[in-house]
């Protein structure tokens, strides 16, 4: 996908915008509940034959660049790639978004953040090697706590988004359109920061 090459080039260019830019990288576990409003059936059913919800788990890795610094917050760009599996199906989400993070608070040094991301979600059903790639979007919110100048503990990150997954409607023209799947995700781990 050409977007995967454009975004890292853009992120690299943004690092030269501010002399005090700060970037970080993370590799963390993620668990998501993926659900549909109606059950799908057949070999292309992403959540399983007759299922409306499944738990997926995997890993998310990414990085961010905080290029704008204000008295109480920073603004940056976040690029992430998540790989998850559940019920023998898989989802790969490549997302790019804008992140706004508060400066660490006096109380417990907590640093809340929020972001909105768009990207591409690639899904594969459990019983078929076929896969599709569709537009995906998600909102993220979380709490980081600085442990030292270069490591933050990502206490929790919660996300909610939607995408069209592979389904019977993807390959059978007589099937009704399938609704978007809703993805509720949870993650924790560590962020490594560089100045």
C-alpha atoms as a PDB file:
ATOM      1  CA  UNK A   1       0.000   0.000   0.000  1.00  0.00           C
ATOM      2  CA  UNK A   2       1.493   3.329  -1.053  1.00  0.00           C
ATOM      3  CA  UNK A   3       0.165   5.095   2.056  1.00  0.00           C
ATOM      4  CA  UNK A   4       2.615   3.081   4.170  1.00  0.00           C
ATOM      5  CA  UNK A   5       5.537   4.766   2.389  1.00  0.00           C
ATOM      6  CA  UNK A   6       4.063   8.261   2.315  1.00  0.00           C
ATOM      7  CA  UNK A   7       3.334   8.452   6.043  1.00  0.00           C
ATOM      8  CA  UNK A   8       6.860   7.595   7.297  1.00  0.00           C
ATOM      9  CA  UNK A   9       8.289  10.121   4.840  1.00  0.00           C
ATOM     10  CA  UNK A  10       5.877  12.761   6.150  1.00  0.00           C
ATOM     11  CA  UNK A  11       6.704  11.892   9.766  1.00  0.00           C
ATOM     12  CA  UNK A  12      10.411  12.180   9.010  1.00  0.00           C
ATOM     13  CA  UNK A  13       9.893  15.576   7.401  1.00  0.00           C
ATOM     14  CA  UNK A  14       7.916  16.793  10.407  1.00  0.00           C
ATOM     15  CA  UNK A  15      10.839  16.053  12.729  1.00  0.00           C
ATOM     16  CA  UNK A  16      12.667  19.026  11.247  1.00  0.00           C
ATOM     17  CA  UNK A  17       9.819  21.471  11.965  1.00  0.00           C
ATOM     18  CA  UNK A  18      10.710  22.176  15.574  1.00  0.00           C
ATOM     19  CA  UNK A  19      14.105  22.167  17.201  1.00  0.00           C
ATOM     20  CA  UNK A  20      12.561  20.763  20.382  1.00  0.00           C
ATOM     21  CA  UNK A  21      10.700  17.942  18.691  1.00  0.00           C
ATOM     22  CA  UNK A  22      10.331  14.791  20.721  1.00  0.00           C
ATOM     23  CA  UNK A  23       9.536  11.380  19.327  1.00  0.00           C
ATOM     24  CA  UNK A  24       8.766   8.048  20.890  1.00  0.00           C
ATOM     25  CA  UNK A  25       8.317   4.414  19.927  1.00  0.00           C
ATOM     26  CA  UNK A  26       6.242   1.653  21.472  1.00  0.00           C
ATOM     27  CA  UNK A  27       5.587  -2.074  21.114  1.00  0.00           C
ATOM     28  CA  UNK A  28       2.694  -3.131  23.323  1.00  0.00           C
ATOM     29  CA  UNK A  29       0.135  -5.930  23.670  1.00  0.00           C
ATOM     30  CA  UNK A  30      -3.436  -5.160  22.592  1.00  0.00           C
ATOM     31  CA  UNK A  31      -6.749  -6.940  23.183  1.00  0.00           C
ATOM     32  CA  UNK A  32      -9.914  -6.022  21.262  1.00  0.00           C
ATOM     33  CA  UNK A  33     -13.544  -7.003  21.235  1.00  0.00           C
ATOM     34  CA  UNK A  34     -14.772  -6.924  17.637  1.00  0.00           C
ATOM     35  CA  UNK A  35     -18.532  -7.047  17.111  1.00  0.00           C
ATOM     36  CA  UNK A  36     -21.227  -6.757  14.449  1.00  0.00           C
ATOM     37  CA  UNK A  37     -24.901  -5.973  14.840  1.00  0.00           C
ATOM     38  CA  UNK A  38     -25.869  -9.119  12.923  1.00  0.00           C
ATOM     39  CA  UNK A  39     -24.322 -12.543  12.482  1.00  0.00           C
ATOM     40  CA  UNK A  40     -22.687 -13.620   9.232  1.00  0.00           C
ATOM     41  CA  UNK A  41     -22.567 -17.212   7.979  1.00  0.00           C
ATOM     42  CA  UNK A  42     -20.355 -19.190   5.649  1.00  0.00           C
ATOM     43  CA  UNK A  43     -16.657 -19.463   4.936  1.00  0.00           C
ATOM     44  CA  UNK A  44     -16.154 -15.673   4.700  1.00  0.00           C
ATOM     45  CA  UNK A  45     -17.703 -14.909   8.118  1.00  0.00           C
ATOM     46  CA  UNK A  46     -14.973 -12.859   9.817  1.00  0.00           C
ATOM     47  CA  UNK A  47     -16.125 -13.453  13.396  1.00  0.00           C
ATOM     48  CA  UNK A  48     -17.092 -17.074  12.756  1.00  0.00           C
ATOM     49  CA  UNK A  49     -20.203 -18.773  11.435  1.00  0.00           C
ATOM     50  CA  UNK A  50     -23.209 -17.238  13.190  1.00  0.00           C
ATOM     51  CA  UNK A  51     -21.132 -15.141  15.612  1.00  0.00           C
ATOM     52  CA  UNK A  52     -21.640 -11.453  16.421  1.00  0.00           C
ATOM     53  CA  UNK A  53     -18.625 -10.877  18.702  1.00  0.00           C
ATOM     54  CA  UNK A  54     -15.105 -12.217  19.251  1.00  0.00           C
ATOM     55  CA  UNK A  55     -12.073 -11.326  21.343  1.00  0.00           C
ATOM     56  CA  UNK A  56      -8.876 -10.700  19.362  1.00  0.00           C
ATOM     57  CA  UNK A  57      -5.379 -10.232  20.735  1.00  0.00           C
ATOM     58  CA  UNK A  58      -2.001  -9.267  19.392  1.00  0.00           C
ATOM     59  CA  UNK A  59       0.598  -6.555  19.304  1.00  0.00           C
ATOM     60  CA  UNK A  60       0.695  -2.897  18.305  1.00  0.00           C
ATOM     61  CA  UNK A  61       3.854  -1.089  17.395  1.00  0.00           C
ATOM     62  CA  UNK A  62       4.280   2.482  16.372  1.00  0.00           C
ATOM     63  CA  UNK A  63       5.792   5.847  16.962  1.00  0.00           C
ATOM     64  CA  UNK A  64       4.875   9.468  17.386  1.00  0.00           C
ATOM     65  CA  UNK A  65       6.487  12.846  16.827  1.00  0.00           C
ATOM     66  CA  UNK A  66       5.441  15.758  19.043  1.00  0.00           C
ATOM     67  CA  UNK A  67       6.265  18.691  16.790  1.00  0.00           C
ATOM     68  CA  UNK A  68       4.239  21.476  18.463  1.00  0.00           C
ATOM     69  CA  UNK A  69       4.761  22.356  22.124  1.00  0.00           C
ATOM     70  CA  UNK A  70       2.472  24.630  24.128  1.00  0.00           C
ATOM     71  CA  UNK A  71       2.368  25.551  27.814  1.00  0.00           C
ATOM     72  CA  UNK A  72      -0.105  22.800  28.740  1.00  0.00           C
ATOM     73  CA  UNK A  73      -0.075  20.372  25.825  1.00  0.00           C
ATOM     74  CA  UNK A  74       1.808  18.984  22.853  1.00  0.00           C
ATOM     75  CA  UNK A  75       0.513  18.126  19.386  1.00  0.00           C
ATOM     76  CA  UNK A  76       1.975  15.518  17.103  1.00  0.00           C
ATOM     77  CA  UNK A  77       1.478  12.751  14.597  1.00  0.00           C
ATOM     78  CA  UNK A  78       1.179   9.065  15.527  1.00  0.00           C
ATOM     79  CA  UNK A  79       1.775   6.145  13.134  1.00  0.00           C
ATOM     80  CA  UNK A  80       0.905   2.623  14.289  1.00  0.00           C
ATOM     81  CA  UNK A  81       0.469  -0.899  12.970  1.00  0.00           C
ATOM     82  CA  UNK A  82      -1.504  -3.502  14.949  1.00  0.00           C
ATOM     83  CA  UNK A  83      -1.646  -7.244  14.262  1.00  0.00           C
ATOM     84  CA  UNK A  84      -4.388  -9.234  15.996  1.00  0.00           C
ATOM     85  CA  UNK A  85      -5.813 -12.753  15.785  1.00  0.00           C
ATOM     86  CA  UNK A  86      -8.957 -14.365  17.156  1.00  0.00           C
ATOM     87  CA  UNK A  87     -10.952 -17.488  16.325  1.00  0.00           C
ATOM     88  CA  UNK A  88      -8.354 -18.200  13.558  1.00  0.00           C
ATOM     89  CA  UNK A  89      -9.222 -14.916  11.816  1.00  0.00           C
ATOM     90  CA  UNK A  90      -6.846 -11.942  11.609  1.00  0.00           C
ATOM     91  CA  UNK A  91      -6.883  -8.169  11.383  1.00  0.00           C
ATOM     92  CA  UNK A  92      -4.012  -5.824  10.524  1.00  0.00           C
ATOM     93  CA  UNK A  93      -4.678  -2.130  11.176  1.00  0.00           C
ATOM     94  CA  UNK A  94      -2.316   0.515   9.812  1.00  0.00           C
ATOM     95  CA  UNK A  95      -3.332   3.892  11.249  1.00  0.00           C
ATOM     96  CA  UNK A  96      -2.122   7.506  11.087  1.00  0.00           C
ATOM     97  CA  UNK A  97      -3.470  10.180  13.365  1.00  0.00           C
ATOM     98  CA  UNK A  98      -3.132  13.434  15.235  1.00  0.00           C
ATOM     99  CA  UNK A  99      -2.295  13.123  18.925  1.00  0.00           C
ATOM    100  CA  UNK A 100      -2.780  15.776  21.613  1.00  0.00           C
ATOM    101  CA  UNK A 101      -1.093  15.095  24.966  1.00  0.00           C
ATOM    102  CA  UNK A 102      -1.270  17.126  28.159  1.00  0.00           C
ATOM    103  CA  UNK A 103       1.909  18.014  30.003  1.00  0.00           C
ATOM    104  CA  UNK A 104       2.448  15.739  33.038  1.00  0.00           C
ATOM    105  CA  UNK A 105       0.143  16.748  35.891  1.00  0.00           C
ATOM    106  CA  UNK A 106       1.434  17.382  39.385  1.00  0.00           C
ATOM    107  CA  UNK A 107      -0.779  14.606  40.750  1.00  0.00           C
ATOM    108  CA  UNK A 108       0.991  11.272  40.110  1.00  0.00           C
ATOM    109  CA  UNK A 109       2.718  12.808  37.027  1.00  0.00           C
ATOM    110  CA  UNK A 110      -0.085  11.471  34.833  1.00  0.00           C
ATOM    111  CA  UNK A 111      -0.084  12.544  31.175  1.00  0.00           C
ATOM    112  CA  UNK A 112      -3.483  12.054  29.480  1.00  0.00           C
ATOM    113  CA  UNK A 113      -3.691  12.011  25.694  1.00  0.00           C
ATOM    114  CA  UNK A 114      -6.226  11.620  22.941  1.00  0.00           C
ATOM    115  CA  UNK A 115      -5.955  10.993  19.230  1.00  0.00           C
ATOM    116  CA  UNK A 116      -8.022  10.404  16.141  1.00  0.00           C
ATOM    117  CA  UNK A 117      -6.630   8.126  13.432  1.00  0.00           C
ATOM    118  CA  UNK A 118      -7.591   6.896   9.982  1.00  0.00           C
ATOM    119  CA  UNK A 119      -6.000   4.166   7.938  1.00  0.00           C
ATOM    120  CA  UNK A 120      -6.482   0.767   6.396  1.00  0.00           C
ATOM    121  CA  UNK A 121      -7.769  -2.391   8.037  1.00  0.00           C
ATOM    122  CA  UNK A 122      -6.938  -5.716   6.392  1.00  0.00           C
ATOM    123  CA  UNK A 123      -9.103  -8.633   7.510  1.00  0.00           C
ATOM    124  CA  UNK A 124      -8.999 -12.379   6.819  1.00  0.00           C
ATOM    125  CA  UNK A 125     -11.715 -14.846   7.780  1.00  0.00           C
ATOM    126  CA  UNK A 126     -10.948 -18.018   9.710  1.00  0.00           C
ATOM    127  CA  UNK A 127     -12.023 -20.485   7.013  1.00  0.00           C
ATOM    128  CA  UNK A 128     -10.711 -18.740   3.898  1.00  0.00           C
ATOM    129  CA  UNK A 129      -7.337 -17.441   2.673  1.00  0.00           C
ATOM    130  CA  UNK A 130      -9.137 -14.476   1.044  1.00  0.00           C
ATOM    131  CA  UNK A 131      -8.677 -11.055   2.610  1.00  0.00           C
ATOM    132  CA  UNK A 132      -9.862  -7.489   2.008  1.00  0.00           C
ATOM    133  CA  UNK A 133      -8.519  -4.066   2.884  1.00  0.00           C
ATOM    134  CA  UNK A 134     -10.916  -1.266   3.812  1.00  0.00           C
ATOM    135  CA  UNK A 135     -10.923   2.198   5.353  1.00  0.00           C
ATOM    136  CA  UNK A 136     -10.686   2.151   9.143  1.00  0.00           C
ATOM    137  CA  UNK A 137     -10.995   4.918  11.700  1.00  0.00           C
ATOM    138  CA  UNK A 138     -10.573   5.016  15.472  1.00  0.00           C
ATOM    139  CA  UNK A 139     -10.339   7.294  18.457  1.00  0.00           C
ATOM    140  CA  UNK A 140      -7.798   6.631  21.214  1.00  0.00           C
ATOM    141  CA  UNK A 141      -7.480   7.903  24.759  1.00  0.00           C
ATOM    142  CA  UNK A 142      -4.968   6.980  27.379  1.00  0.00           C
ATOM    143  CA  UNK A 143      -2.792   7.759  30.368  1.00  0.00           C
ATOM    144  CA  UNK A 144       0.993   7.710  30.362  1.00  0.00           C
ATOM    145  CA  UNK A 145       3.194   8.159  33.416  1.00  0.00           C
ATOM    146  CA  UNK A 146       6.828   9.228  32.939  1.00  0.00           C
ATOM    147  CA  UNK A 147       9.175   6.881  34.810  1.00  0.00           C
ATOM    148  CA  UNK A 148      12.369   8.684  33.788  1.00  0.00           C
ATOM    149  CA  UNK A 149      13.370  11.136  31.014  1.00  0.00           C
ATOM    150  CA  UNK A 150      13.221   8.403  28.351  1.00  0.00           C
ATOM    151  CA  UNK A 151      10.581   5.853  29.454  1.00  0.00           C
ATOM    152  CA  UNK A 152       6.834   6.276  30.009  1.00  0.00           C
ATOM    153  CA  UNK A 153       4.559   3.627  31.435  1.00  0.00           C
ATOM    154  CA  UNK A 154       1.449   3.489  29.260  1.00  0.00           C
ATOM    155  CA  UNK A 155      -0.953   2.689  32.081  1.00  0.00           C
ATOM    156  CA  UNK A 156      -3.897   2.195  29.765  1.00  0.00           C
ATOM    157  CA  UNK A 157      -4.984   3.022  26.245  1.00  0.00           C
ATOM    158  CA  UNK A 158      -8.603   2.565  25.189  1.00  0.00           C
ATOM    159  CA  UNK A 159      -9.693   2.760  21.558  1.00  0.00           C
ATOM    160  CA  UNK A 160     -12.961   2.600  19.689  1.00  0.00           C
ATOM    161  CA  UNK A 161     -13.297   2.401  15.922  1.00  0.00           C
ATOM    162  CA  UNK A 162     -15.031   0.856  12.952  1.00  0.00           C
ATOM    163  CA  UNK A 163     -14.212  -0.851   9.666  1.00  0.00           C
ATOM    164  CA  UNK A 164     -15.843  -3.093   7.073  1.00  0.00           C
ATOM    165  CA  UNK A 165     -14.482  -6.599   7.531  1.00  0.00           C
ATOM    166  CA  UNK A 166     -14.478  -9.505   5.122  1.00  0.00           C
ATOM    167  CA  UNK A 167     -17.942 -11.104   4.995  1.00  0.00           C
ATOM    168  CA  UNK A 168     -20.244 -13.158   2.813  1.00  0.00           C
ATOM    169  CA  UNK A 169     -21.400  -9.915   1.183  1.00  0.00           C
ATOM    170  CA  UNK A 170     -17.830  -9.323  -0.035  1.00  0.00           C
ATOM    171  CA  UNK A 171     -17.973 -12.214  -2.526  1.00  0.00           C
ATOM    172  CA  UNK A 172     -21.672 -12.968  -2.979  1.00  0.00           C
ATOM    173  CA  UNK A 173     -23.622 -10.308  -4.816  1.00  0.00           C
ATOM    174  CA  UNK A 174     -26.975 -11.697  -3.660  1.00  0.00           C
ATOM    175  CA  UNK A 175     -26.072 -11.142   0.018  1.00  0.00           C
ATOM    176  CA  UNK A 176     -27.202  -7.944   1.747  1.00  0.00           C
ATOM    177  CA  UNK A 177     -24.559  -5.353   2.621  1.00  0.00           C
ATOM    178  CA  UNK A 178     -22.806  -6.203   5.836  1.00  0.00           C
ATOM    179  CA  UNK A 179     -22.574  -3.537   8.570  1.00  0.00           C
ATOM    180  CA  UNK A 180     -19.301  -2.114   9.817  1.00  0.00           C
ATOM    181  CA  UNK A 181     -17.620  -4.000  12.641  1.00  0.00           C
ATOM    182  CA  UNK A 182     -17.008  -2.072  15.849  1.00  0.00           C
ATOM    183  CA  UNK A 183     -13.621  -2.476  17.518  1.00  0.00           C
ATOM    184  CA  UNK A 184     -13.152  -1.761  21.241  1.00  0.00           C
ATOM    185  CA  UNK A 185      -9.476  -2.095  22.157  1.00  0.00           C
ATOM    186  CA  UNK A 186      -7.330  -2.027  25.300  1.00  0.00           C
ATOM    187  CA  UNK A 187      -3.558  -1.759  25.500  1.00  0.00           C
ATOM    188  CA  UNK A 188      -0.816  -1.160  28.053  1.00  0.00           C
ATOM    189  CA  UNK A 189       2.985  -1.196  28.048  1.00  0.00           C
ATOM    190  CA  UNK A 190       5.912   1.165  27.706  1.00  0.00           C
ATOM    191  CA  UNK A 191       6.852   4.108  25.489  1.00  0.00           C
ATOM    192  CA  UNK A 192      10.487   4.942  24.790  1.00  0.00           C
ATOM    193  CA  UNK A 193      11.050   8.659  24.231  1.00  0.00           C
ATOM    194  CA  UNK A 194      13.915  10.430  22.461  1.00  0.00           C
ATOM    195  CA  UNK A 195      14.702  14.159  22.177  1.00  0.00           C
END
